[in-house]
Amino acid sequence: MGEAKRRKTALGDKYGQEARLFPWLPISKSQGEQFVKLTTKGAWIGIGLLVVWWLTVRFVGPTFGWWQIN
């Protein structure tokens, strides 16, 4: 008996299914990796937008005189 057949008989219905991240959470490992990639990309987009906002407030704002409230 080969290793694949032995594994198939040992796992039964779970053979060929993807492993879960946690047994009590219905999310597979690949879905967890996709979530991490998505949130990492979102964080970098947020950091970039924050830098653009800061540069706008820091340099463009004073040129229009927003800092002088008299």
PDB file of N, CA and C in Angstrom:
ATOM      1  N   MET A   1       0.852  -1.171   0.000  1.00  0.00           N
ATOM      2  CA  MET A   1       0.000   0.000   0.000  1.00  0.00           C
ATOM      3  C   MET A   1       0.899   1.236   0.000  1.00  0.00           C
ATOM      4  N   GLY A   2       0.611   2.176  -0.895  1.00  0.00           N
ATOM      5  CA  GLY A   2       1.411   3.383  -0.981  1.00  0.00           C
ATOM      6  C   GLY A   2       1.042   4.391   0.082  1.00  0.00           C
ATOM      7  N   GLU A   3       1.879   5.394   0.207  1.00  0.00           N
ATOM      8  CA  GLU A   3       1.665   6.423   1.234  1.00  0.00           C
ATOM      9  C   GLU A   3       0.379   7.197   0.991  1.00  0.00           C
ATOM     10  N   ALA A   4       0.067   7.520  -0.266  1.00  0.00           N
ATOM     11  CA  ALA A   4      -1.154   8.270  -0.578  1.00  0.00           C
ATOM     12  C   ALA A   4      -2.401   7.484  -0.187  1.00  0.00           C
ATOM     13  N   LYS A   5      -2.409   6.184  -0.482  1.00  0.00           N
ATOM     14  CA  LYS A   5      -3.563   5.359  -0.119  1.00  0.00           C
ATOM     15  C   LYS A   5      -3.690   5.235   1.391  1.00  0.00           C
ATOM     16  N   ARG A   6      -2.573   5.116   2.065  1.00  0.00           N
ATOM     17  CA  ARG A   6      -2.588   5.029   3.526  1.00  0.00           C
ATOM     18  C   ARG A   6      -3.143   6.317   4.133  1.00  0.00           C
ATOM     19  N   ARG A   7      -2.714   7.458   3.576  1.00  0.00           N
ATOM     20  CA  ARG A   7      -3.198   8.744   4.056  1.00  0.00           C
ATOM     21  C   ARG A   7      -4.692   8.884   3.771  1.00  0.00           C
ATOM     22  N   LYS A   8      -5.131   8.417   2.595  1.00  0.00           N
ATOM     23  CA  LYS A   8      -6.535   8.510   2.216  1.00  0.00           C
ATOM     24  C   LYS A   8      -7.410   7.686   3.155  1.00  0.00           C
ATOM     25  N   THR A   9      -6.972   6.506   3.492  1.00  0.00           N
ATOM     26  CA  THR A   9      -7.763   5.681   4.412  1.00  0.00           C
ATOM     27  C   THR A   9      -7.738   6.244   5.827  1.00  0.00           C
ATOM     28  N   ALA A  10      -6.641   6.871   6.205  1.00  0.00           N
ATOM     29  CA  ALA A  10      -6.549   7.438   7.556  1.00  0.00           C
ATOM     30  C   ALA A  10      -7.413   8.690   7.691  1.00  0.00           C
ATOM     31  N   LEU A  11      -7.440   9.533   6.660  1.00  0.00           N
ATOM     32  CA  LEU A  11      -8.194  10.785   6.737  1.00  0.00           C
ATOM     33  C   LEU A  11      -9.668  10.610   6.392  1.00  0.00           C
ATOM     34  N   GLY A  12      -9.984   9.671   5.564  1.00  0.00           N
ATOM     35  CA  GLY A  12     -11.381   9.425   5.215  1.00  0.00           C
ATOM     36  C   GLY A  12     -11.960  10.556   4.387  1.00  0.00           C
ATOM     37  N   ASP A  13     -13.048  11.177   4.876  1.00  0.00           N
ATOM     38  CA  ASP A  13     -13.734  12.246   4.136  1.00  0.00           C
ATOM     39  C   ASP A  13     -12.908  13.527   4.048  1.00  0.00           C
ATOM     40  N   LYS A  14     -11.987  13.704   4.940  1.00  0.00           N
ATOM     41  CA  LYS A  14     -11.193  14.936   4.948  1.00  0.00           C
ATOM     42  C   LYS A  14     -10.026  14.898   3.968  1.00  0.00           C
ATOM     43  N   TYR A  15      -9.843  13.785   3.271  1.00  0.00           N
ATOM     44  CA  TYR A  15      -8.724  13.659   2.325  1.00  0.00           C
ATOM     45  C   TYR A  15      -8.923  14.612   1.159  1.00  0.00           C
ATOM     46  N   GLY A  16      -7.918  15.407   0.847  1.00  0.00           N
ATOM     47  CA  GLY A  16      -7.965  16.347  -0.267  1.00  0.00           C
ATOM     48  C   GLY A  16      -8.529  17.704   0.104  1.00  0.00           C
ATOM     49  N   GLN A  17      -9.066  17.844   1.288  1.00  0.00           N
ATOM     50  CA  GLN A  17      -9.594  19.137   1.721  1.00  0.00           C
ATOM     51  C   GLN A  17      -8.470  19.946   2.344  1.00  0.00           C
ATOM     52  N   GLU A  18      -8.603  21.246   2.210  1.00  0.00           N
ATOM     53  CA  GLU A  18      -7.580  22.136   2.738  1.00  0.00           C
ATOM     54  C   GLU A  18      -7.685  22.231   4.261  1.00  0.00           C
ATOM     55  N   ALA A  19      -6.546  22.347   4.904  1.00  0.00           N
ATOM     56  CA  ALA A  19      -6.515  22.433   6.366  1.00  0.00           C
ATOM     57  C   ALA A  19      -7.057  23.784   6.827  1.00  0.00           C
ATOM     58  N   ARG A  20      -7.711  23.765   7.975  1.00  0.00           N
ATOM     59  CA  ARG A  20      -8.241  25.011   8.541  1.00  0.00           C
ATOM     60  C   ARG A  20      -7.170  25.723   9.353  1.00  0.00           C
ATOM     61  N   LEU A  21      -7.332  27.027   9.459  1.00  0.00           N
ATOM     62  CA  LEU A  21      -6.416  27.835  10.241  1.00  0.00           C
ATOM     63  C   LEU A  21      -6.519  27.463  11.719  1.00  0.00           C
ATOM     64  N   PHE A  22      -7.735  27.422  12.226  1.00  0.00           N
ATOM     65  CA  PHE A  22      -8.046  26.942  13.573  1.00  0.00           C
ATOM     66  C   PHE A  22      -9.186  25.947  13.441  1.00  0.00           C
ATOM     67  N   PRO A  23      -9.228  24.932  14.273  1.00  0.00           N
ATOM     68  CA  PRO A  23     -10.313  23.938  14.140  1.00  0.00           C
ATOM     69  C   PRO A  23     -11.705  24.528  14.346  1.00  0.00           C
ATOM     70  N   TRP A  24     -11.834  25.546  15.169  1.00  0.00           N
ATOM     71  CA  TRP A  24     -13.129  26.131  15.470  1.00  0.00           C
ATOM     72  C   TRP A  24     -13.499  27.286  14.543  1.00  0.00           C
ATOM     73  N   LEU A  25     -12.607  27.680  13.639  1.00  0.00           N
ATOM     74  CA  LEU A  25     -12.848  28.804  12.736  1.00  0.00           C
ATOM     75  C   LEU A  25     -12.943  28.283  11.305  1.00  0.00           C
ATOM     76  N   PRO A  26     -14.050  28.543  10.615  1.00  0.00           N
ATOM     77  CA  PRO A  26     -14.212  27.976   9.272  1.00  0.00           C
ATOM     78  C   PRO A  26     -13.453  28.762   8.190  1.00  0.00           C
ATOM     79  N   ILE A  27     -12.172  28.979   8.397  1.00  0.00           N
ATOM     80  CA  ILE A  27     -11.330  29.695   7.435  1.00  0.00           C
ATOM     81  C   ILE A  27     -10.126  28.814   7.139  1.00  0.00           C
ATOM     82  N   SER A  28      -9.861  28.621   5.852  1.00  0.00           N
ATOM     83  CA  SER A  28      -8.722  27.785   5.479  1.00  0.00           C
ATOM     84  C   SER A  28      -7.432  28.609   5.534  1.00  0.00           C
ATOM     85  N   LYS A  29      -6.318  27.914   5.430  1.00  0.00           N
ATOM     86  CA  LYS A  29      -5.026  28.595   5.493  1.00  0.00           C
ATOM     87  C   LYS A  29      -4.831  29.539   4.318  1.00  0.00           C
ATOM     88  N   SER A  30      -5.267  29.153   3.129  1.00  0.00           N
ATOM     89  CA  SER A  30      -5.102  30.032   1.970  1.00  0.00           C
ATOM     90  C   SER A  30      -5.973  31.284   2.101  1.00  0.00           C
ATOM     91  N   GLN A  31      -7.169  31.140   2.679  1.00  0.00           N
ATOM     92  CA  GLN A  31      -8.009  32.315   2.909  1.00  0.00           C
ATOM     93  C   GLN A  31      -7.366  33.246   3.930  1.00  0.00           C
ATOM     94  N   GLY A  32      -6.702  32.681   4.931  1.00  0.00           N
ATOM     95  CA  GLY A  32      -5.989  33.506   5.908  1.00  0.00           C
ATOM     96  C   GLY A  32      -4.839  34.257   5.269  1.00  0.00           C
ATOM     97  N   GLU A  33      -4.119  33.595   4.364  1.00  0.00           N
ATOM     98  CA  GLU A  33      -3.019  34.262   3.664  1.00  0.00           C
ATOM     99  C   GLU A  33      -3.539  35.375   2.757  1.00  0.00           C
ATOM    100  N   GLN A  34      -4.664  35.152   2.076  1.00  0.00           N
ATOM    101  CA  GLN A  34      -5.261  36.184   1.241  1.00  0.00           C
ATOM    102  C   GLN A  34      -5.677  37.389   2.087  1.00  0.00           C
ATOM    103  N   PHE A  35      -6.228  37.131   3.257  1.00  0.00           N
ATOM    104  CA  PHE A  35      -6.633  38.218   4.152  1.00  0.00           C
ATOM    105  C   PHE A  35      -5.425  39.047   4.584  1.00  0.00           C
ATOM    106  N   VAL A  36      -4.324  38.388   4.908  1.00  0.00           N
ATOM    107  CA  VAL A  36      -3.120  39.106   5.318  1.00  0.00           C
ATOM    108  C   VAL A  36      -2.592  39.952   4.169  1.00  0.00           C
ATOM    109  N   LYS A  37      -2.579  39.407   2.951  1.00  0.00           N
ATOM    110  CA  LYS A  37      -2.122  40.177   1.788  1.00  0.00           C
ATOM    111  C   LYS A  37      -3.000  41.399   1.552  1.00  0.00           C
ATOM    112  N   LEU A  38      -4.314  41.210   1.651  1.00  0.00           N
ATOM    113  CA  LEU A  38      -5.249  42.308   1.418  1.00  0.00           C
ATOM    114  C   LEU A  38      -5.092  43.408   2.466  1.00  0.00           C
ATOM    115  N   THR A  39      -5.007  43.026   3.731  1.00  0.00           N
ATOM    116  CA  THR A  39      -4.887  44.038   4.783  1.00  0.00           C
ATOM    117  C   THR A  39      -3.528  44.733   4.740  1.00  0.00           C
ATOM    118  N   THR A  40      -2.467  44.020   4.316  1.00  0.00           N
ATOM    119  CA  THR A  40      -1.159  44.650   4.183  1.00  0.00           C
ATOM    120  C   THR A  40      -1.185  45.692   3.072  1.00  0.00           C
ATOM    121  N   LYS A  41      -1.803  45.333   1.948  1.00  0.00           N
ATOM    122  CA  LYS A  41      -1.918  46.291   0.845  1.00  0.00           C
ATOM    123  C   LYS A  41      -2.741  47.505   1.269  1.00  0.00           C
ATOM    124  N   GLY A  42      -3.831  47.266   1.991  1.00  0.00           N
ATOM    125  CA  GLY A  42      -4.669  48.361   2.481  1.00  0.00           C
ATOM    126  C   GLY A  42      -3.927  49.267   3.442  1.00  0.00           C
ATOM    127  N   ALA A  43      -3.083  48.683   4.278  1.00  0.00           N
ATOM    128  CA  ALA A  43      -2.302  49.492   5.218  1.00  0.00           C
ATOM    129  C   ALA A  43      -1.319  50.381   4.475  1.00  0.00           C
ATOM    130  N   TRP A  44      -0.646  49.842   3.458  1.00  0.00           N
ATOM    131  CA  TRP A  44       0.296  50.657   2.692  1.00  0.00           C
ATOM    132  C   TRP A  44      -0.410  51.761   1.918  1.00  0.00           C
ATOM    133  N   ILE A  45      -1.599  51.486   1.400  1.00  0.00           N
ATOM    134  CA  ILE A  45      -2.380  52.530   0.728  1.00  0.00           C
ATOM    135  C   ILE A  45      -2.747  53.621   1.735  1.00  0.00           C
ATOM    136  N   GLY A  46      -3.145  53.220   2.931  1.00  0.00           N
ATOM    137  CA  GLY A  46      -3.473  54.199   3.975  1.00  0.00           C
ATOM    138  C   GLY A  46      -2.281  55.039   4.378  1.00  0.00           C
ATOM    139  N   ILE A  47      -1.109  54.426   4.484  1.00  0.00           N
ATOM    140  CA  ILE A  47       0.103  55.182   4.816  1.00  0.00           C
ATOM    141  C   ILE A  47       0.417  56.183   3.713  1.00  0.00           C
ATOM    142  N   GLY A  48       0.286  55.755   2.459  1.00  0.00           N
ATOM    143  CA  GLY A  48       0.527  56.664   1.336  1.00  0.00           C
ATOM    144  C   GLY A  48      -0.433  57.839   1.333  1.00  0.00           C
ATOM    145  N   LEU A  49      -1.717  57.581   1.585  1.00  0.00           N
ATOM    146  CA  LEU A  49      -2.701  58.665   1.651  1.00  0.00           C
ATOM    147  C   LEU A  49      -2.419  59.608   2.815  1.00  0.00           C
ATOM    148  N   LEU A  50      -1.958  59.066   3.929  1.00  0.00           N
ATOM    149  CA  LEU A  50      -1.610  59.896   5.073  1.00  0.00           C
ATOM    150  C   LEU A  50      -0.439  60.818   4.749  1.00  0.00           C
ATOM    151  N   VAL A  51       0.559  60.313   4.031  1.00  0.00           N
ATOM    152  CA  VAL A  51       1.711  61.130   3.639  1.00  0.00           C
ATOM    153  C   VAL A  51       1.270  62.235   2.687  1.00  0.00           C
ATOM    154  N   VAL A  52       0.416  61.900   1.720  1.00  0.00           N
ATOM    155  CA  VAL A  52      -0.086  62.921   0.781  1.00  0.00           C
ATOM    156  C   VAL A  52      -0.874  63.980   1.535  1.00  0.00           C
ATOM    157  N   TRP A  53      -1.714  63.558   2.476  1.00  0.00           N
ATOM    158  CA  TRP A  53      -2.496  64.510   3.268  1.00  0.00           C
ATOM    159  C   TRP A  53      -1.572  65.409   4.096  1.00  0.00           C
ATOM    160  N   TRP A  54      -0.558  64.829   4.713  1.00  0.00           N
ATOM    161  CA  TRP A  54       0.365  65.604   5.531  1.00  0.00           C
ATOM    162  C   TRP A  54       1.111  66.623   4.682  1.00  0.00           C
ATOM    163  N   LEU A  55       1.589  66.207   3.500  1.00  0.00           N
ATOM    164  CA  LEU A  55       2.290  67.148   2.628  1.00  0.00           C
ATOM    165  C   LEU A  55       1.372  68.280   2.175  1.00  0.00           C
ATOM    166  N   THR A  56       0.135  67.954   1.905  1.00  0.00           N
ATOM    167  CA  THR A  56      -0.824  68.986   1.494  1.00  0.00           C
ATOM    168  C   THR A  56      -1.048  69.986   2.621  1.00  0.00           C
ATOM    169  N   VAL A  57      -1.283  69.499   3.811  1.00  0.00           N
ATOM    170  CA  VAL A  57      -1.525  70.391   4.946  1.00  0.00           C
ATOM    171  C   VAL A  57      -0.265  71.182   5.289  1.00  0.00           C
ATOM    172  N   ARG A  58       0.883  70.533   5.206  1.00  0.00           N
ATOM    173  CA  ARG A  58       2.141  71.173   5.630  1.00  0.00           C
ATOM    174  C   ARG A  58       2.624  72.226   4.649  1.00  0.00           C
ATOM    175  N   PHE A  59       2.531  71.957   3.345  1.00  0.00           N
ATOM    176  CA  PHE A  59       3.119  72.873   2.367  1.00  0.00           C
ATOM    177  C   PHE A  59       2.090  73.662   1.567  1.00  0.00           C
ATOM    178  N   VAL A  60       1.006  73.070   1.173  1.00  0.00           N
ATOM    179  CA  VAL A  60       0.016  73.773   0.367  1.00  0.00           C
ATOM    180  C   VAL A  60      -0.843  74.674   1.237  1.00  0.00           C
ATOM    181  N   GLY A  61      -1.189  74.223   2.413  1.00  0.00           N
ATOM    182  CA  GLY A  61      -2.042  75.014   3.305  1.00  0.00           C
ATOM    183  C   GLY A  61      -1.481  76.385   3.629  1.00  0.00           C
ATOM    184  N   PRO A  62      -0.244  76.486   4.089  1.00  0.00           N
ATOM    185  CA  PRO A  62       0.301  77.805   4.413  1.00  0.00           C
ATOM    186  C   PRO A  62       0.435  78.737   3.203  1.00  0.00           C
ATOM    187  N   THR A  63       0.585  78.205   2.010  1.00  0.00           N
ATOM    188  CA  THR A  63       0.694  79.092   0.842  1.00  0.00           C
ATOM    189  C   THR A  63      -0.617  79.796   0.554  1.00  0.00           C
ATOM    190  N   PHE A  64      -1.727  79.221   0.945  1.00  0.00           N
ATOM    191  CA  PHE A  64      -3.010  79.878   0.772  1.00  0.00           C
ATOM    192  C   PHE A  64      -3.376  80.762   1.952  1.00  0.00           C
ATOM    193  N   GLY A  65      -2.543  80.800   2.980  1.00  0.00           N
ATOM    194  CA  GLY A  65      -2.768  81.654   4.130  1.00  0.00           C
ATOM    195  C   GLY A  65      -3.746  81.108   5.133  1.00  0.00           C
ATOM    196  N   TRP A  66      -3.922  79.794   5.169  1.00  0.00           N
ATOM    197  CA  TRP A  66      -4.857  79.210   6.119  1.00  0.00           C
ATOM    198  C   TRP A  66      -4.350  79.312   7.544  1.00  0.00           C
ATOM    199  N   TRP A  67      -3.083  79.558   7.709  1.00  0.00           N
ATOM    200  CA  TRP A  67      -2.529  79.597   9.054  1.00  0.00           C
ATOM    201  C   TRP A  67      -2.719  80.965   9.692  1.00  0.00           C
ATOM    202  N   GLN A  68      -3.094  81.979   8.907  1.00  0.00           N
ATOM    203  CA  GLN A  68      -3.314  83.317   9.469  1.00  0.00           C
ATOM    204  C   GLN A  68      -4.801  83.534   9.653  1.00  0.00           C
ATOM    205  N   ILE A  69      -5.211  83.432  10.901  1.00  0.00           N
ATOM    206  CA  ILE A  69      -6.620  83.668  11.225  1.00  0.00           C
ATOM    207  C   ILE A  69      -6.675  84.955  12.031  1.00  0.00           C
ATOM    208  N   ASN A  70      -6.857  86.066  11.343  1.00  0.00           N
ATOM    209  CA  ASN A  70      -6.935  87.391  11.998  1.00  0.00           C
ATOM    210  C   ASN A  70      -8.182  88.095  11.606  1.00  0.00           C
TER     211      ASN A  70
END
